[in-house]
Every structure is written in structure tokens, then in C-alpha cells.
Amino acid sequence: MPKPEAIFVNPLGVNAWLRERGIAILLDNTNEMSGMLNAPTKGLGLRQGASNAGQYSMENDIDWERLAGWTGFSTHDVIVGRYGIPASRMFGDNLNPSQEIYGGGGNVVVHLGYAYG
């Protein structure tokens, strides 16, 4: 089972209890603040300001041999959601985004990134 670095390694013993049963859960957030400090060229529809964009995710690993006795079977899945508006739109550079989180999440709260077993 993976053991990523975390701020809250084992809150109230929950992670240890789940891992003993073959379940590993990771919650993650990437947040990016970006802005344009100087006033842009007038007349091009650009603007000065700041913007925030981010992505939250949940990763889940299950060792089905420990959990249900299914020898040699495990699963991994990732669910992600995005929020905010990237700053690149303010200064007209949509080809080379200034933030890693550059796409909108659409009209849903979460997307299934991938799942396999």
C-alpha cells in the first residue's frame, strides 16, 4: 500500500485501521494563485488582476486479498474536481497557460480520472 507524505498522517488512528484492512485513501488539493501586476495594453480586452484555480482529488487503493480474500487482486482509482478561473484569460495567453491547473471542470463536481484493477 502506498504511504504518501501527508500533513495529517494518521488522524484519530483512522488511516492505520483502514490500512490493516487493505484500504488506503488520500485526499489532495492543488491551489494556484496568479495575477497580472502591470496594466495591460489598452484596447485589446485584457485586464489587470489576480485569479485562483485549483484541483481537489481523492485516490483510493484497495488490497482485495486483505479485504475480501481475493488472492492477487487490487484496485486503484482517482476522482478529481476543479475550481476557479485561470489568470491566462486576463492577459490573452490561452496557448501557454500560466497555471498548471488550466482547464475548467465543466458543469460537474467530480470526474473519474481513472480506475483499474
PDB file of N, CA and C in Angstrom:
ATOM      1  N   MET A   1       0.845  -1.181   0.000  1.00  0.00           N
ATOM      2  CA  MET A   1       0.000   0.000   0.000  1.00  0.00           C
ATOM      3  C   MET A   1       0.889   1.243   0.000  1.00  0.00           C
ATOM      4  N   PRO A   2       0.564   2.236  -0.836  1.00  0.00           N
ATOM      5  CA  PRO A   2       1.360   3.461  -0.872  1.00  0.00           C
ATOM      6  C   PRO A   2       1.218   4.252   0.424  1.00  0.00           C
ATOM      7  N   LYS A   3       2.299   4.937   0.819  1.00  0.00           N
ATOM      8  CA  LYS A   3       2.270   5.796   2.007  1.00  0.00           C
ATOM      9  C   LYS A   3       2.818   7.174   1.633  1.00  0.00           C
ATOM     10  N   PRO A   4       1.993   8.018   1.016  1.00  0.00           N
ATOM     11  CA  PRO A   4       2.470   9.344   0.605  1.00  0.00           C
ATOM     12  C   PRO A   4       2.682  10.254   1.811  1.00  0.00           C
ATOM     13  N   GLU A   5       3.505  11.288   1.602  1.00  0.00           N
ATOM     14  CA  GLU A   5       3.691  12.296   2.640  1.00  0.00           C
ATOM     15  C   GLU A   5       2.368  13.014   2.870  1.00  0.00           C
ATOM     16  N   ALA A   6       2.091  13.348   4.123  1.00  0.00           N
ATOM     17  CA  ALA A   6       0.821  13.990   4.439  1.00  0.00           C
ATOM     18  C   ALA A   6       0.969  14.880   5.662  1.00  0.00           C
ATOM     19  N   ILE A   7       0.116  15.873   5.767  1.00  0.00           N
ATOM     20  CA  ILE A   7       0.096  16.728   6.953  1.00  0.00           C
ATOM     21  C   ILE A   7      -0.514  15.960   8.118  1.00  0.00           C
ATOM     22  N   PHE A   8      -1.630  15.317   7.876  1.00  0.00           N
ATOM     23  CA  PHE A   8      -2.292  14.510   8.896  1.00  0.00           C
ATOM     24  C   PHE A   8      -2.053  13.047   8.549  1.00  0.00           C
ATOM     25  N   VAL A   9      -1.010  12.457   9.113  1.00  0.00           N
ATOM     26  CA  VAL A   9      -0.586  11.112   8.749  1.00  0.00           C
ATOM     27  C   VAL A   9      -1.605  10.060   9.180  1.00  0.00           C
ATOM     28  N   ASN A  10      -2.078  10.145  10.420  1.00  0.00           N
ATOM     29  CA  ASN A  10      -2.992   9.127  10.932  1.00  0.00           C
ATOM     30  C   ASN A  10      -4.000   9.761  11.894  1.00  0.00           C
ATOM     31  N   PRO A  11      -4.916  10.594  11.383  1.00  0.00           N
ATOM     32  CA  PRO A  11      -5.854  11.274  12.279  1.00  0.00           C
ATOM     33  C   PRO A  11      -6.769  10.296  13.013  1.00  0.00           C
ATOM     34  N   LEU A  12      -6.710  10.358  14.340  1.00  0.00           N
ATOM     35  CA  LEU A  12      -7.525   9.513  15.225  1.00  0.00           C
ATOM     36  C   LEU A  12      -7.346   8.020  14.954  1.00  0.00           C
ATOM     37  N   GLY A  13      -6.235   7.643  14.332  1.00  0.00           N
ATOM     38  CA  GLY A  13      -5.966   6.234  14.055  1.00  0.00           C
ATOM     39  C   GLY A  13      -6.755   5.649  12.899  1.00  0.00           C
ATOM     40  N   VAL A  14      -7.470   6.491  12.163  1.00  0.00           N
ATOM     41  CA  VAL A  14      -8.331   6.012  11.071  1.00  0.00           C
ATOM     42  C   VAL A  14      -7.515   5.391   9.944  1.00  0.00           C
ATOM     43  N   ASN A  15      -6.412   6.055   9.530  1.00  0.00           N
ATOM     44  CA  ASN A  15      -5.613   5.510   8.427  1.00  0.00           C
ATOM     45  C   ASN A  15      -5.025   4.151   8.766  1.00  0.00           C
ATOM     46  N   ALA A  16      -4.500   3.997   9.977  1.00  0.00           N
ATOM     47  CA  ALA A  16      -3.935   2.703  10.383  1.00  0.00           C
ATOM     48  C   ALA A  16      -5.016   1.626  10.375  1.00  0.00           C
ATOM     49  N   TRP A  17      -6.202   1.953  10.878  1.00  0.00           N
ATOM     50  CA  TRP A  17      -7.305   0.985  10.919  1.00  0.00           C
ATOM     51  C   TRP A  17      -7.694   0.550   9.507  1.00  0.00           C
ATOM     52  N   LEU A  18      -7.805   1.521   8.575  1.00  0.00           N
ATOM     53  CA  LEU A  18      -8.157   1.195   7.192  1.00  0.00           C
ATOM     54  C   LEU A  18      -7.055   0.382   6.512  1.00  0.00           C
ATOM     55  N   ARG A  19      -5.793   0.762   6.715  1.00  0.00           N
ATOM     56  CA  ARG A  19      -4.680   0.055   6.080  1.00  0.00           C
ATOM     57  C   ARG A  19      -4.580  -1.395   6.545  1.00  0.00           C
ATOM     58  N   GLU A  20      -4.882  -1.649   7.804  1.00  0.00           N
ATOM     59  CA  GLU A  20      -4.892  -3.033   8.301  1.00  0.00           C
ATOM     60  C   GLU A  20      -5.901  -3.882   7.534  1.00  0.00           C
ATOM     61  N   ARG A  21      -6.919  -3.255   7.016  1.00  0.00           N
ATOM     62  CA  ARG A  21      -7.964  -3.955   6.268  1.00  0.00           C
ATOM     63  C   ARG A  21      -7.760  -3.865   4.754  1.00  0.00           C
ATOM     64  N   GLY A  22      -6.654  -3.239   4.315  1.00  0.00           N
ATOM     65  CA  GLY A  22      -6.329  -3.196   2.895  1.00  0.00           C
ATOM     66  C   GLY A  22      -6.863  -1.998   2.142  1.00  0.00           C
ATOM     67  N   ILE A  23      -7.187  -0.919   2.850  1.00  0.00           N
ATOM     68  CA  ILE A  23      -7.746   0.270   2.201  1.00  0.00           C
ATOM     69  C   ILE A  23      -6.833   1.468   2.471  1.00  0.00           C
ATOM     70  N   ALA A  24      -6.441   2.167   1.401  1.00  0.00           N
ATOM     71  CA  ALA A  24      -5.642   3.390   1.532  1.00  0.00           C
ATOM     72  C   ALA A  24      -6.366   4.516   0.801  1.00  0.00           C
ATOM     73  N   ILE A  25      -6.614   5.611   1.510  1.00  0.00           N
ATOM     74  CA  ILE A  25      -7.317   6.759   0.934  1.00  0.00           C
ATOM     75  C   ILE A  25      -6.432   7.993   1.068  1.00  0.00           C
ATOM     76  N   LEU A  26      -6.352   8.778   0.000  1.00  0.00           N
ATOM     77  CA  LEU A  26      -5.578  10.014   0.005  1.00  0.00           C
ATOM     78  C   LEU A  26      -6.450  11.146  -0.526  1.00  0.00           C
ATOM     79  N   LEU A  27      -6.555  12.222   0.239  1.00  0.00           N
ATOM     80  CA  LEU A  27      -7.243  13.436  -0.204  1.00  0.00           C
ATOM     81  C   LEU A  27      -6.170  14.477  -0.514  1.00  0.00           C
ATOM     82  N   ASP A  28      -6.333  15.182  -1.622  1.00  0.00           N
ATOM     83  CA  ASP A  28      -5.285  16.079  -2.100  1.00  0.00           C
ATOM     84  C   ASP A  28      -5.906  17.359  -2.652  1.00  0.00           C
ATOM     85  N   ASN A  29      -5.190  18.479  -2.503  1.00  0.00           N
ATOM     86  CA  ASN A  29      -5.633  19.741  -3.084  1.00  0.00           C
ATOM     87  C   ASN A  29      -4.424  20.485  -3.645  1.00  0.00           C
ATOM     88  N   THR A  30      -4.537  20.948  -4.884  1.00  0.00           N
ATOM     89  CA  THR A  30      -3.520  21.791  -5.507  1.00  0.00           C
ATOM     90  C   THR A  30      -4.182  23.127  -5.802  1.00  0.00           C
ATOM     91  N   ASN A  31      -3.641  24.199  -5.238  1.00  0.00           N
ATOM     92  CA  ASN A  31      -4.235  25.517  -5.385  1.00  0.00           C
ATOM     93  C   ASN A  31      -3.189  26.470  -5.966  1.00  0.00           C
ATOM     94  N   GLU A  32      -3.557  27.224  -6.988  1.00  0.00           N
ATOM     95  CA  GLU A  32      -2.615  28.128  -7.644  1.00  0.00           C
ATOM     96  C   GLU A  32      -3.201  29.528  -7.783  1.00  0.00           C
ATOM     97  N   MET A  33      -2.495  30.483  -7.219  1.00  0.00           N
ATOM     98  CA  MET A  33      -2.888  31.889  -7.320  1.00  0.00           C
ATOM     99  C   MET A  33      -1.938  32.557  -8.307  1.00  0.00           C
ATOM    100  N   SER A  34      -2.481  33.347  -9.224  1.00  0.00           N
ATOM    101  CA  SER A  34      -1.665  34.020 -10.229  1.00  0.00           C
ATOM    102  C   SER A  34      -2.283  35.372 -10.539  1.00  0.00           C
ATOM    103  N   GLY A  35      -1.461  36.290 -11.001  1.00  0.00           N
ATOM    104  CA  GLY A  35      -2.006  37.602 -11.305  1.00  0.00           C
ATOM    105  C   GLY A  35      -1.155  38.403 -12.259  1.00  0.00           C
ATOM    106  N   MET A  36      -1.734  39.494 -12.716  1.00  0.00           N
ATOM    107  CA  MET A  36      -1.060  40.427 -13.611  1.00  0.00           C
ATOM    108  C   MET A  36      -0.869  41.726 -12.841  1.00  0.00           C
ATOM    109  N   LEU A  37       0.394  42.074 -12.565  1.00  0.00           N
ATOM    110  CA  LEU A  37       0.686  43.242 -11.740  1.00  0.00           C
ATOM    111  C   LEU A  37       0.650  44.547 -12.524  1.00  0.00           C
ATOM    112  N   ASN A  38       1.118  44.514 -13.752  1.00  0.00           N
ATOM    113  CA  ASN A  38       1.151  45.724 -14.582  1.00  0.00           C
ATOM    114  C   ASN A  38      -0.122  45.846 -15.411  1.00  0.00           C
ATOM    115  N   ALA A  39      -0.501  47.076 -15.692  1.00  0.00           N
ATOM    116  CA  ALA A  39      -1.677  47.309 -16.536  1.00  0.00           C
ATOM    117  C   ALA A  39      -1.375  46.851 -17.968  1.00  0.00           C
ATOM    118  N   PRO A  40      -2.272  46.087 -18.586  1.00  0.00           N
ATOM    119  CA  PRO A  40      -2.040  45.610 -19.956  1.00  0.00           C
ATOM    120  C   PRO A  40      -2.284  46.711 -20.991  1.00  0.00           C
ATOM    121  N   THR A  41      -1.918  46.429 -22.224  1.00  0.00           N
ATOM    122  CA  THR A  41      -2.134  47.361 -23.331  1.00  0.00           C
ATOM    123  C   THR A  41      -3.627  47.634 -23.492  1.00  0.00           C
ATOM    124  N   LYS A  42      -3.990  48.890 -23.566  1.00  0.00           N
ATOM    125  CA  LYS A  42      -5.409  49.259 -23.688  1.00  0.00           C
ATOM    126  C   LYS A  42      -5.959  48.887 -25.062  1.00  0.00           C
ATOM    127  N   GLY A  43      -7.261  48.577 -25.094  1.00  0.00           N
ATOM    128  CA  GLY A  43      -7.950  48.317 -26.347  1.00  0.00           C
ATOM    129  C   GLY A  43      -7.918  46.875 -26.815  1.00  0.00           C
ATOM    130  N   LEU A  44      -7.258  46.000 -26.090  1.00  0.00           N
ATOM    131  CA  LEU A  44      -7.189  44.594 -26.507  1.00  0.00           C
ATOM    132  C   LEU A  44      -8.122  43.689 -25.702  1.00  0.00           C
ATOM    133  N   GLY A  45      -8.891  44.274 -24.802  1.00  0.00           N
ATOM    134  CA  GLY A  45      -9.817  43.484 -23.994  1.00  0.00           C
ATOM    135  C   GLY A  45      -9.143  42.752 -22.842  1.00  0.00           C
ATOM    136  N   LEU A  46      -7.922  43.129 -22.519  1.00  0.00           N
ATOM    137  CA  LEU A  46      -7.186  42.496 -21.428  1.00  0.00           C
ATOM    138  C   LEU A  46      -7.385  43.299 -20.154  1.00  0.00           C
ATOM    139  N   ARG A  47      -7.089  42.689 -19.009  1.00  0.00           N
ATOM    140  CA  ARG A  47      -7.292  43.408 -17.753  1.00  0.00           C
ATOM    141  C   ARG A  47      -6.249  43.018 -16.706  1.00  0.00           C
ATOM    142  N   GLN A  48      -6.078  43.906 -15.761  1.00  0.00           N
ATOM    143  CA  GLN A  48      -5.161  43.691 -14.652  1.00  0.00           C
ATOM    144  C   GLN A  48      -5.929  43.019 -13.525  1.00  0.00           C
ATOM    145  N   GLY A  49      -5.289  42.125 -12.779  1.00  0.00           N
ATOM    146  CA  GLY A  49      -5.954  41.484 -11.661  1.00  0.00           C
ATOM    147  C   GLY A  49      -5.299  40.173 -11.283  1.00  0.00           C
ATOM    148  N   ALA A  50      -5.986  39.427 -10.433  1.00  0.00           N
ATOM    149  CA  ALA A  50      -5.481  38.143  -9.953  1.00  0.00           C
ATOM    150  C   ALA A  50      -6.576  37.095 -10.066  1.00  0.00           C
ATOM    151  N   SER A  51      -6.156  35.853 -10.087  1.00  0.00           N
ATOM    152  CA  SER A  51      -7.108  34.757 -10.230  1.00  0.00           C
ATOM    153  C   SER A  51      -6.623  33.544  -9.451  1.00  0.00           C
ATOM    154  N   ASN A  52      -7.547  32.688  -9.114  1.00  0.00           N
ATOM    155  CA  ASN A  52      -7.249  31.481  -8.362  1.00  0.00           C
ATOM    156  C   ASN A  52      -7.825  30.282  -9.107  1.00  0.00           C
ATOM    157  N   ALA A  53      -7.039  29.231  -9.236  1.00  0.00           N
ATOM    158  CA  ALA A  53      -7.512  27.990  -9.850  1.00  0.00           C
ATOM    159  C   ALA A  53      -6.967  26.827  -9.037  1.00  0.00           C
ATOM    160  N   GLY A  54      -7.708  25.741  -8.981  1.00  0.00           N
ATOM    161  CA  GLY A  54      -7.246  24.604  -8.198  1.00  0.00           C
ATOM    162  C   GLY A  54      -7.905  23.305  -8.584  1.00  0.00           C
ATOM    163  N   GLN A  55      -7.378  22.239  -8.002  1.00  0.00           N
ATOM    164  CA  GLN A  55      -7.905  20.893  -8.243  1.00  0.00           C
ATOM    165  C   GLN A  55      -7.871  20.111  -6.934  1.00  0.00           C
ATOM    166  N   TYR A  56      -8.961  19.435  -6.619  1.00  0.00           N
ATOM    167  CA  TYR A  56      -9.003  18.540  -5.465  1.00  0.00           C
ATOM    168  C   TYR A  56      -9.162  17.122  -5.989  1.00  0.00           C
ATOM    169  N   SER A  57      -8.677  16.155  -5.229  1.00  0.00           N
ATOM    170  CA  SER A  57      -8.783  14.770  -5.689  1.00  0.00           C
ATOM    171  C   SER A  57      -8.868  13.808  -4.513  1.00  0.00           C
ATOM    172  N   MET A  58      -9.374  12.630  -4.809  1.00  0.00           N
ATOM    173  CA  MET A  58      -9.376  11.522  -3.867  1.00  0.00           C
ATOM    174  C   MET A  58      -8.819  10.305  -4.596  1.00  0.00           C
ATOM    175  N   GLU A  59      -7.790   9.711  -4.012  1.00  0.00           N
ATOM    176  CA  GLU A  59      -7.216   8.483  -4.550  1.00  0.00           C
ATOM    177  C   GLU A  59      -7.536   7.360  -3.581  1.00  0.00           C
ATOM    178  N   ASN A  60      -7.853   6.203  -4.131  1.00  0.00           N
ATOM    179  CA  ASN A  60      -8.255   5.072  -3.313  1.00  0.00           C
ATOM    180  C   ASN A  60      -7.557   3.810  -3.818  1.00  0.00           C
ATOM    181  N   ASP A  61      -6.835   3.145  -2.936  1.00  0.00           N
ATOM    182  CA  ASP A  61      -6.208   1.859  -3.244  1.00  0.00           C
ATOM    183  C   ASP A  61      -6.824   0.807  -2.333  1.00  0.00           C
ATOM    184  N   ILE A  62      -7.231  -0.316  -2.922  1.00  0.00           N
ATOM    185  CA  ILE A  62      -7.808  -1.404  -2.129  1.00  0.00           C
ATOM    186  C   ILE A  62      -7.077  -2.700  -2.444  1.00  0.00           C
ATOM    187  N   ASP A  63      -6.579  -3.345  -1.394  1.00  0.00           N
ATOM    188  CA  ASP A  63      -5.982  -4.676  -1.499  1.00  0.00           C
ATOM    189  C   ASP A  63      -7.099  -5.676  -1.192  1.00  0.00           C
ATOM    190  N   TRP A  64      -7.689  -6.221  -2.253  1.00  0.00           N
ATOM    191  CA  TRP A  64      -8.851  -7.097  -2.091  1.00  0.00           C
ATOM    192  C   TRP A  64      -8.494  -8.430  -1.445  1.00  0.00           C
ATOM    193  N   GLU A  65      -7.215  -8.786  -1.455  1.00  0.00           N
ATOM    194  CA  GLU A  65      -6.806 -10.015  -0.768  1.00  0.00           C
ATOM    195  C   GLU A  65      -6.981  -9.846   0.737  1.00  0.00           C
ATOM    196  N   ARG A  66      -6.567  -8.703   1.256  1.00  0.00           N
ATOM    197  CA  ARG A  66      -6.757  -8.430   2.686  1.00  0.00           C
ATOM    198  C   ARG A  66      -8.221  -8.191   3.033  1.00  0.00           C
ATOM    199  N   LEU A  67      -8.915  -7.460   2.158  1.00  0.00           N
ATOM    200  CA  LEU A  67     -10.287  -7.058   2.458  1.00  0.00           C
ATOM    201  C   LEU A  67     -11.296  -8.190   2.298  1.00  0.00           C
ATOM    202  N   ALA A  68     -11.161  -8.977   1.217  1.00  0.00           N
ATOM    203  CA  ALA A  68     -12.191  -9.986   0.927  1.00  0.00           C
ATOM    204  C   ALA A  68     -11.631 -11.374   0.615  1.00  0.00           C
ATOM    205  N   GLY A  69     -10.295 -11.519   0.681  1.00  0.00           N
ATOM    206  CA  GLY A  69      -9.716 -12.831   0.421  1.00  0.00           C
ATOM    207  C   GLY A  69      -9.542 -13.167  -1.053  1.00  0.00           C
ATOM    208  N   TRP A  70      -9.650 -12.180  -1.950  1.00  0.00           N
ATOM    209  CA  TRP A  70      -9.476 -12.419  -3.394  1.00  0.00           C
ATOM    210  C   TRP A  70      -7.983 -12.348  -3.709  1.00  0.00           C
ATOM    211  N   THR A  71      -7.352 -13.470  -3.817  1.00  0.00           N
ATOM    212  CA  THR A  71      -5.905 -13.568  -3.975  1.00  0.00           C
ATOM    213  C   THR A  71      -5.398 -12.819  -5.205  1.00  0.00           C
ATOM    214  N   GLY A  72      -4.400 -11.940  -4.980  1.00  0.00           N
ATOM    215  CA  GLY A  72      -3.725 -11.237  -6.062  1.00  0.00           C
ATOM    216  C   GLY A  72      -4.489 -10.107  -6.717  1.00  0.00           C
ATOM    217  N   PHE A  73      -5.633  -9.691  -6.167  1.00  0.00           N
ATOM    218  CA  PHE A  73      -6.421  -8.638  -6.813  1.00  0.00           C
ATOM    219  C   PHE A  73      -6.378  -7.354  -5.992  1.00  0.00           C
ATOM    220  N   SER A  74      -6.115  -6.233  -6.665  1.00  0.00           N
ATOM    221  CA  SER A  74      -6.169  -4.920  -6.026  1.00  0.00           C
ATOM    222  C   SER A  74      -6.710  -3.908  -7.032  1.00  0.00           C
ATOM    223  N   THR A  75      -7.228  -2.803  -6.534  1.00  0.00           N
ATOM    224  CA  THR A  75      -7.766  -1.757  -7.408  1.00  0.00           C
ATOM    225  C   THR A  75      -7.184  -0.401  -7.012  1.00  0.00           C
ATOM    226  N   HIS A  76      -7.203   0.503  -7.984  1.00  0.00           N
ATOM    227  CA  HIS A  76      -6.728   1.874  -7.778  1.00  0.00           C
ATOM    228  C   HIS A  76      -7.660   2.799  -8.559  1.00  0.00           C
ATOM    229  N   ASP A  77      -8.139   3.854  -7.925  1.00  0.00           N
ATOM    230  CA  ASP A  77      -8.963   4.825  -8.649  1.00  0.00           C
ATOM    231  C   ASP A  77      -8.654   6.240  -8.170  1.00  0.00           C
ATOM    232  N   VAL A  78      -8.898   7.190  -9.067  1.00  0.00           N
ATOM    233  CA  VAL A  78      -8.672   8.605  -8.780  1.00  0.00           C
ATOM    234  C   VAL A  78      -9.886   9.391  -9.261  1.00  0.00           C
ATOM    235  N   ILE A  79     -10.411  10.238  -8.389  1.00  0.00           N
ATOM    236  CA  ILE A  79     -11.540  11.111  -8.709  1.00  0.00           C
ATOM    237  C   ILE A  79     -11.063  12.548  -8.505  1.00  0.00           C
ATOM    238  N   VAL A  80     -11.291  13.427  -9.493  1.00  0.00           N
ATOM    239  CA  VAL A  80     -10.805  14.809  -9.407  1.00  0.00           C
ATOM    240  C   VAL A  80     -11.921  15.812  -9.690  1.00  0.00           C
ATOM    241  N   GLY A  81     -11.748  17.003  -9.180  1.00  0.00           N
ATOM    242  CA  GLY A  81     -12.637  18.120  -9.462  1.00  0.00           C
ATOM    243  C   GLY A  81     -11.813  19.390  -9.546  1.00  0.00           C
ATOM    244  N   ARG A  82     -12.271  20.350 -10.312  1.00  0.00           N
ATOM    245  CA  ARG A  82     -11.532  21.601 -10.482  1.00  0.00           C
ATOM    246  C   ARG A  82     -12.401  22.798 -10.139  1.00  0.00           C
ATOM    247  N   TYR A  83     -11.735  23.884  -9.766  1.00  0.00           N
ATOM    248  CA  TYR A  83     -12.440  25.117  -9.425  1.00  0.00           C
ATOM    249  C   TYR A  83     -11.608  26.324  -9.846  1.00  0.00           C
ATOM    250  N   GLY A  84     -12.253  27.459  -9.958  1.00  0.00           N
ATOM    251  CA  GLY A  84     -11.571  28.710 -10.251  1.00  0.00           C
ATOM    252  C   GLY A  84     -11.464  29.022 -11.730  1.00  0.00           C
ATOM    253  N   ILE A  85     -10.800  30.139 -12.017  1.00  0.00           N
ATOM    254  CA  ILE A  85     -10.587  30.612 -13.384  1.00  0.00           C
ATOM    255  C   ILE A  85      -9.101  30.927 -13.533  1.00  0.00           C
ATOM    256  N   PRO A  86      -8.434  30.363 -14.538  1.00  0.00           N
ATOM    257  CA  PRO A  86      -7.013  30.645 -14.710  1.00  0.00           C
ATOM    258  C   PRO A  86      -6.754  32.099 -15.125  1.00  0.00           C
ATOM    259  N   ALA A  87      -5.624  32.629 -14.688  1.00  0.00           N
ATOM    260  CA  ALA A  87      -5.285  34.033 -14.957  1.00  0.00           C
ATOM    261  C   ALA A  87      -4.942  34.294 -16.416  1.00  0.00           C
ATOM    262  N   SER A  88      -4.566  33.284 -17.165  1.00  0.00           N
ATOM    263  CA  SER A  88      -4.165  33.482 -18.570  1.00  0.00           C
ATOM    264  C   SER A  88      -5.241  34.186 -19.386  1.00  0.00           C
ATOM    265  N   ARG A  89      -6.494  33.973 -19.048  1.00  0.00           N
ATOM    266  CA  ARG A  89      -7.588  34.620 -19.783  1.00  0.00           C
ATOM    267  C   ARG A  89      -7.536  36.135 -19.637  1.00  0.00           C
ATOM    268  N   MET A  90      -6.996  36.618 -18.516  1.00  0.00           N
ATOM    269  CA  MET A  90      -6.932  38.064 -18.291  1.00  0.00           C
ATOM    270  C   MET A  90      -5.938  38.734 -19.224  1.00  0.00           C
ATOM    271  N   PHE A  91      -4.814  38.049 -19.491  1.00  0.00           N
ATOM    272  CA  PHE A  91      -3.817  38.699 -20.340  1.00  0.00           C
ATOM    273  C   PHE A  91      -3.634  38.018 -21.689  1.00  0.00           C
ATOM    274  N   GLY A  92      -4.634  37.277 -22.131  1.00  0.00           N
ATOM    275  CA  GLY A  92      -4.730  36.817 -23.508  1.00  0.00           C
ATOM    276  C   GLY A  92      -3.769  35.730 -23.945  1.00  0.00           C
ATOM    277  N   ASP A  93      -3.337  34.875 -23.032  1.00  0.00           N
ATOM    278  CA  ASP A  93      -2.417  33.802 -23.404  1.00  0.00           C
ATOM    279  C   ASP A  93      -3.041  32.452 -23.069  1.00  0.00           C
ATOM    280  N   ASN A  94      -3.927  31.974 -23.928  1.00  0.00           N
ATOM    281  CA  ASN A  94      -4.560  30.678 -23.697  1.00  0.00           C
ATOM    282  C   ASN A  94      -3.761  29.518 -24.284  1.00  0.00           C
ATOM    283  N   LEU A  95      -2.713  29.806 -25.060  1.00  0.00           N
ATOM    284  CA  LEU A  95      -1.894  28.737 -25.639  1.00  0.00           C
ATOM    285  C   LEU A  95      -0.826  28.242 -24.673  1.00  0.00           C
ATOM    286  N   ASN A  96      -0.343  29.116 -23.799  1.00  0.00           N
ATOM    287  CA  ASN A  96       0.684  28.750 -22.833  1.00  0.00           C
ATOM    288  C   ASN A  96       0.213  29.182 -21.444  1.00  0.00           C
ATOM    289  N   PRO A  97      -0.626  28.384 -20.789  1.00  0.00           N
ATOM    290  CA  PRO A  97      -1.235  28.785 -19.522  1.00  0.00           C
ATOM    291  C   PRO A  97      -0.203  29.073 -18.427  1.00  0.00           C
ATOM    292  N   SER A  98      -0.507  30.051 -17.606  1.00  0.00           N
ATOM    293  CA  SER A  98       0.387  30.439 -16.521  1.00  0.00           C
ATOM    294  C   SER A  98       0.239  29.539 -15.300  1.00  0.00           C
ATOM    295  N   GLN A  99      -0.828  28.775 -15.229  1.00  0.00           N
ATOM    296  CA  GLN A  99      -1.059  27.897 -14.096  1.00  0.00           C
ATOM    297  C   GLN A  99      -1.173  26.456 -14.577  1.00  0.00           C
ATOM    298  N   GLU A 100      -0.678  25.542 -13.754  1.00  0.00           N
ATOM    299  CA  GLU A 100      -0.755  24.123 -14.090  1.00  0.00           C
ATOM    300  C   GLU A 100      -2.215  23.677 -14.206  1.00  0.00           C
ATOM    301  N   ILE A 101      -3.052  24.148 -13.312  1.00  0.00           N
ATOM    302  CA  ILE A 101      -4.477  23.830 -13.349  1.00  0.00           C
ATOM    303  C   ILE A 101      -5.116  24.833 -14.293  1.00  0.00           C
ATOM    304  N   TYR A 102      -5.243  24.488 -15.552  1.00  0.00           N
ATOM    305  CA  TYR A 102      -5.676  25.476 -16.546  1.00  0.00           C
ATOM    306  C   TYR A 102      -7.046  25.199 -17.125  1.00  0.00           C
ATOM    307  N   GLY A 103      -7.584  24.018 -16.968  1.00  0.00           N
ATOM    308  CA  GLY A 103      -8.878  23.713 -17.569  1.00  0.00           C
ATOM    309  C   GLY A 103      -9.997  23.812 -16.564  1.00  0.00           C
ATOM    310  N   GLY A 104     -11.158  24.155 -17.038  1.00  0.00           N
ATOM    311  CA  GLY A 104     -12.309  24.190 -16.164  1.00  0.00           C
ATOM    312  C   GLY A 104     -12.850  22.787 -15.928  1.00  0.00           C
ATOM    313  N   GLY A 105     -13.530  22.610 -14.842  1.00  0.00           N
ATOM    314  CA  GLY A 105     -14.081  21.307 -14.508  1.00  0.00           C
ATOM    315  C   GLY A 105     -15.406  21.026 -15.183  1.00  0.00           C
ATOM    316  N   GLY A 106     -15.897  21.977 -15.947  1.00  0.00           N
ATOM    317  CA  GLY A 106     -17.185  21.771 -16.602  1.00  0.00           C
ATOM    318  C   GLY A 106     -18.325  22.006 -15.631  1.00  0.00           C
ATOM    319  N   ASN A 107     -19.428  21.322 -15.855  1.00  0.00           N
ATOM    320  CA  ASN A 107     -20.611  21.545 -15.021  1.00  0.00           C
ATOM    321  C   ASN A 107     -20.853  20.397 -14.046  1.00  0.00           C
ATOM    322  N   VAL A 108     -19.792  19.676 -13.671  1.00  0.00           N
ATOM    323  CA  VAL A 108     -19.919  18.593 -12.696  1.00  0.00           C
ATOM    324  C   VAL A 108     -18.979  18.850 -11.523  1.00  0.00           C
ATOM    325  N   VAL A 109     -19.274  18.231 -10.397  1.00  0.00           N
ATOM    326  CA  VAL A 109     -18.467  18.419  -9.192  1.00  0.00           C
ATOM    327  C   VAL A 109     -17.186  17.595  -9.257  1.00  0.00           C
ATOM    328  N   VAL A 110     -17.272  16.351  -9.730  1.00  0.00           N
ATOM    329  CA  VAL A 110     -16.093  15.482  -9.822  1.00  0.00           C
ATOM    330  C   VAL A 110     -16.083  14.713 -11.140  1.00  0.00           C
ATOM    331  N   HIS A 111     -14.878  14.323 -11.546  1.00  0.00           N
ATOM    332  CA  HIS A 111     -14.676  13.479 -12.725  1.00  0.00           C
ATOM    333  C   HIS A 111     -13.928  12.228 -12.279  1.00  0.00           C
ATOM    334  N   LEU A 112     -14.251  11.101 -12.868  1.00  0.00           N
ATOM    335  CA  LEU A 112     -13.463   9.897 -12.649  1.00  0.00           C
ATOM    336  C   LEU A 112     -12.210  10.025 -13.501  1.00  0.00           C
ATOM    337  N   GLY A 113     -11.057  10.175 -12.852  1.00  0.00           N
ATOM    338  CA  GLY A 113      -9.793  10.289 -13.573  1.00  0.00           C
ATOM    339  C   GLY A 113      -9.419   8.958 -14.200  1.00  0.00           C
ATOM    340  N   TYR A 114      -9.357   7.921 -13.382  1.00  0.00           N
ATOM    341  CA  TYR A 114      -9.147   6.566 -13.876  1.00  0.00           C
ATOM    342  C   TYR A 114      -9.422   5.568 -12.769  1.00  0.00           C
ATOM    343  N   ALA A 115      -9.680   4.350 -13.172  1.00  0.00           N
ATOM    344  CA  ALA A 115      -9.900   3.239 -12.246  1.00  0.00           C
ATOM    345  C   ALA A 115      -9.435   1.967 -12.933  1.00  0.00           C
ATOM    346  N   TYR A 116      -8.669   1.177 -12.225  1.00  0.00           N
ATOM    347  CA  TYR A 116      -8.227  -0.100 -12.789  1.00  0.00           C
ATOM    348  C   TYR A 116      -7.990  -1.108 -11.672  1.00  0.00           C
ATOM    349  N   GLY A 117      -7.983  -2.364 -12.056  1.00  0.00           N
ATOM    350  CA  GLY A 117      -7.766  -3.442 -11.092  1.00  0.00           C
ATOM    351  C   GLY A 117      -6.863  -4.489 -11.655  1.00  0.00           C
TER     352      GLY A 117
END
